[in-house]
């Protein structure tokens, strides 16, 4: 049975770190983190590298983004909502 040492109360739980999106044939690394609130679970994504300007400006035209999580040779596609140039939440 897998065991995860959870963080201190109020701190994010990192569920993924690695390549998150592909822009202009370049993979950009990022993370997906969870934060527990008294009334809901917040799942957020963040790009950890400088994003190309053309892609960053798309936040004004395309509020959603396709994220890719790579695990054991498999790519899992997820839909995300952009909140700013390099971060947002997972679409539900």
C-alpha atoms as a PDB file:
ATOM      1  CA  UNK A   1       0.000   0.000   0.000  1.00  0.00           C
ATOM      2  CA  UNK A   2       1.483   3.383  -0.990  1.00  0.00           C
ATOM      3  CA  UNK A   3       2.125   5.832   1.796  1.00  0.00           C
ATOM      4  CA  UNK A   4       2.252   9.605   1.359  1.00  0.00           C
ATOM      5  CA  UNK A   5       3.657  11.784   4.176  1.00  0.00           C
ATOM      6  CA  UNK A   6       1.151  14.646   4.109  1.00  0.00           C
ATOM      7  CA  UNK A   7       2.254  18.216   4.640  1.00  0.00           C
ATOM      8  CA  UNK A   8       1.457  20.418   7.591  1.00  0.00           C
ATOM      9  CA  UNK A   9      -2.144  21.724   7.781  1.00  0.00           C
ATOM     10  CA  UNK A  10      -2.718  24.575   5.324  1.00  0.00           C
ATOM     11  CA  UNK A  11       0.178  23.631   3.037  1.00  0.00           C
ATOM     12  CA  UNK A  12      -0.303  22.413  -0.516  1.00  0.00           C
ATOM     13  CA  UNK A  13       0.016  18.712  -1.359  1.00  0.00           C
ATOM     14  CA  UNK A  14       1.977  18.217  -4.581  1.00  0.00           C
ATOM     15  CA  UNK A  15       0.369  15.474  -6.638  1.00  0.00           C
ATOM     16  CA  UNK A  16       2.472  15.923  -9.804  1.00  0.00           C
ATOM     17  CA  UNK A  17       5.702  17.615 -10.902  1.00  0.00           C
ATOM     18  CA  UNK A  18       7.034  17.346 -14.439  1.00  0.00           C
ATOM     19  CA  UNK A  19       6.179  18.196 -18.038  1.00  0.00           C
ATOM     20  CA  UNK A  20       2.731  19.785 -17.976  1.00  0.00           C
ATOM     21  CA  UNK A  21       2.184  21.436 -21.364  1.00  0.00           C
ATOM     22  CA  UNK A  22       3.807  21.532 -24.774  1.00  0.00           C
ATOM     23  CA  UNK A  23       4.247  24.882 -26.508  1.00  0.00           C
ATOM     24  CA  UNK A  24       6.023  25.307 -29.850  1.00  0.00           C
ATOM     25  CA  UNK A  25       7.467  21.757 -29.619  1.00  0.00           C
ATOM     26  CA  UNK A  26       8.875  22.544 -26.161  1.00  0.00           C
ATOM     27  CA  UNK A  27       7.742  20.852 -22.962  1.00  0.00           C
ATOM     28  CA  UNK A  28       7.211  23.188 -20.043  1.00  0.00           C
ATOM     29  CA  UNK A  29       7.555  21.819 -16.535  1.00  0.00           C
ATOM     30  CA  UNK A  30       5.046  22.533 -13.850  1.00  0.00           C
ATOM     31  CA  UNK A  31       3.109  21.068 -10.969  1.00  0.00           C
ATOM     32  CA  UNK A  32      -0.377  20.148  -9.845  1.00  0.00           C
ATOM     33  CA  UNK A  33      -1.134  20.802  -6.180  1.00  0.00           C
ATOM     34  CA  UNK A  34      -4.091  20.243  -3.914  1.00  0.00           C
ATOM     35  CA  UNK A  35      -5.163  22.415  -1.022  1.00  0.00           C
ATOM     36  CA  UNK A  36      -7.841  21.398   1.444  1.00  0.00           C
ATOM     37  CA  UNK A  37     -10.250  24.079   2.614  1.00  0.00           C
ATOM     38  CA  UNK A  38     -12.968  23.552   5.229  1.00  0.00           C
ATOM     39  CA  UNK A  39     -15.664  23.503   2.535  1.00  0.00           C
ATOM     40  CA  UNK A  40     -13.878  22.272  -0.617  1.00  0.00           C
ATOM     41  CA  UNK A  41     -10.768  20.827  -2.257  1.00  0.00           C
ATOM     42  CA  UNK A  42      -8.842  23.219  -4.512  1.00  0.00           C
ATOM     43  CA  UNK A  43      -6.734  21.620  -7.282  1.00  0.00           C
ATOM     44  CA  UNK A  44      -4.369  24.053  -9.002  1.00  0.00           C
ATOM     45  CA  UNK A  45      -1.728  23.848 -11.712  1.00  0.00           C
ATOM     46  CA  UNK A  46       1.316  26.059 -12.192  1.00  0.00           C
ATOM     47  CA  UNK A  47       4.008  26.327 -14.875  1.00  0.00           C
ATOM     48  CA  UNK A  48       7.434  26.563 -13.229  1.00  0.00           C
ATOM     49  CA  UNK A  49       9.274  27.982 -16.265  1.00  0.00           C
ATOM     50  CA  UNK A  50       9.038  31.191 -18.256  1.00  0.00           C
ATOM     51  CA  UNK A  51       6.213  30.738 -20.735  1.00  0.00           C
ATOM     52  CA  UNK A  52       6.511  31.985 -24.325  1.00  0.00           C
ATOM     53  CA  UNK A  53       4.905  35.406 -24.734  1.00  0.00           C
ATOM     54  CA  UNK A  54       2.611  34.222 -27.546  1.00  0.00           C
ATOM     55  CA  UNK A  55       1.235  31.484 -25.295  1.00  0.00           C
ATOM     56  CA  UNK A  56       0.944  33.736 -22.250  1.00  0.00           C
ATOM     57  CA  UNK A  57      -1.123  36.288 -24.157  1.00  0.00           C
ATOM     58  CA  UNK A  58      -3.565  33.529 -25.103  1.00  0.00           C
ATOM     59  CA  UNK A  59      -4.963  33.738 -21.568  1.00  0.00           C
ATOM     60  CA  UNK A  60      -7.078  36.636 -22.781  1.00  0.00           C
ATOM     61  CA  UNK A  61      -8.483  34.671 -25.740  1.00  0.00           C
ATOM     62  CA  UNK A  62      -8.586  31.091 -24.481  1.00  0.00           C
ATOM     63  CA  UNK A  63      -9.544  30.721 -20.808  1.00  0.00           C
ATOM     64  CA  UNK A  64      -9.071  26.912 -20.930  1.00  0.00           C
ATOM     65  CA  UNK A  65      -5.895  24.922 -21.536  1.00  0.00           C
ATOM     66  CA  UNK A  66      -5.013  21.283 -22.229  1.00  0.00           C
ATOM     67  CA  UNK A  67      -2.624  19.920 -19.610  1.00  0.00           C
ATOM     68  CA  UNK A  68      -0.664  16.687 -19.967  1.00  0.00           C
ATOM     69  CA  UNK A  69       0.458  14.557 -17.041  1.00  0.00           C
ATOM     70  CA  UNK A  70       3.046  11.912 -17.904  1.00  0.00           C
ATOM     71  CA  UNK A  71       3.256   8.859 -15.694  1.00  0.00           C
ATOM     72  CA  UNK A  72       5.003   5.553 -16.482  1.00  0.00           C
ATOM     73  CA  UNK A  73       4.996   6.165 -20.241  1.00  0.00           C
ATOM     74  CA  UNK A  74       1.317   7.138 -20.349  1.00  0.00           C
ATOM     75  CA  UNK A  75       0.038  10.652 -21.075  1.00  0.00           C
ATOM     76  CA  UNK A  76      -3.117  11.712 -19.243  1.00  0.00           C
ATOM     77  CA  UNK A  77      -4.916  14.720 -20.700  1.00  0.00           C
ATOM     78  CA  UNK A  78      -6.646  17.162 -18.358  1.00  0.00           C
ATOM     79  CA  UNK A  79      -8.549  20.360 -18.970  1.00  0.00           C
ATOM     80  CA  UNK A  80      -7.470  23.376 -16.974  1.00  0.00           C
ATOM     81  CA  UNK A  81      -8.777  26.891 -16.483  1.00  0.00           C
ATOM     82  CA  UNK A  82      -6.269  29.734 -16.763  1.00  0.00           C
ATOM     83  CA  UNK A  83      -6.214  32.294 -13.972  1.00  0.00           C
ATOM     84  CA  UNK A  84      -3.136  34.176 -15.204  1.00  0.00           C
ATOM     85  CA  UNK A  85      -0.147  33.685 -17.507  1.00  0.00           C
ATOM     86  CA  UNK A  86       1.170  30.508 -15.898  1.00  0.00           C
ATOM     87  CA  UNK A  87      -1.307  29.100 -13.412  1.00  0.00           C
ATOM     88  CA  UNK A  88      -4.913  28.131 -12.903  1.00  0.00           C
ATOM     89  CA  UNK A  89      -7.206  25.393 -11.641  1.00  0.00           C
ATOM     90  CA  UNK A  90      -8.392  22.076 -13.026  1.00  0.00           C
ATOM     91  CA  UNK A  91     -11.686  22.240 -14.882  1.00  0.00           C
ATOM     92  CA  UNK A  92     -14.480  20.206 -13.327  1.00  0.00           C
END
